[in-house]
């Protein structure tokens, strides 16, 4: 029923907890595809030390990166659903059971995620949007899905030839979802079904160049044309990117938001009230940042 795909690179310190959390699932109709991506530590010996027949270990001779490893996992998967897992996280014992139950109850949903709970250096629950319309509107600005907490239909990615793409290694999941959102419905279970390990003083940012490239692509799709330099700059600043050599004023913000709303009025892709809600929040954050 489920193919769990987990890439590993030098994960020996946390690998046992991650693997065991999948093997201990209340739902047991799964294969566990683990891709050892050229690890130089004891990861491979730890993986092959398990006798569980559900584990299928594939090894890259050298480190090829997460995009290559994830796509290899997609190609090897035979399950009706594909679940993602990372080698430093821990899945709730009933994660697969609850996600499969939701997907089986509604065949219009192609991607199912959940809330996550950060642990280790930071401890808090990350509450992600529930409905497809909320998720879709959020995706215009940032990823609303916790990648290692997701499960999706293999038939959807096969039908539309969706794969993880090179050039987006720092946010390969955001690109993956932005491609899939046009073809199926999304949902997030409103419960923390994954424990996400945060080490040291990790900082979270949606303002990376790779993330902004995806946001530009989403805006381009909505407008039906490429963004000019001023629009791209305004869109970046509105999304929290710090560009010290560019000054974006209120006129730029107002003009850009008007174009977004006008284009959405024509295409009706995003639920109008939700898009306005997120745009208002971006404006608020923009002015708070300027004051600070």
Foldseek 3Di string as FASTA:
>chain_A
DEEEEEEDAQLVVQQVQAVVLVCLAPDHPYAYEYEDQAHPDCVVVVLVVDPDPSYDYHYDVHHPADQVRVQVSLVPDDDQKYAYAYRNKHFANHLVVVVVVVCVVDVQAFKEFAWAFEDDPDTDIGFADFWQLLQVLVLLQAHRHDRNRMMGGSVQCVVVVQGQDPPLRVCSVSLSCLVSSVPGGYGYHHDHRMYHYDDDPDDDACLDPSNLVVSQVVQCVLLVHHDDPLLSVLSSLLSPHDDPVDDDDPVSLVVNVVSNLVSCVVVVPHDNVSNVVVSVVSVVVSVVVVVD
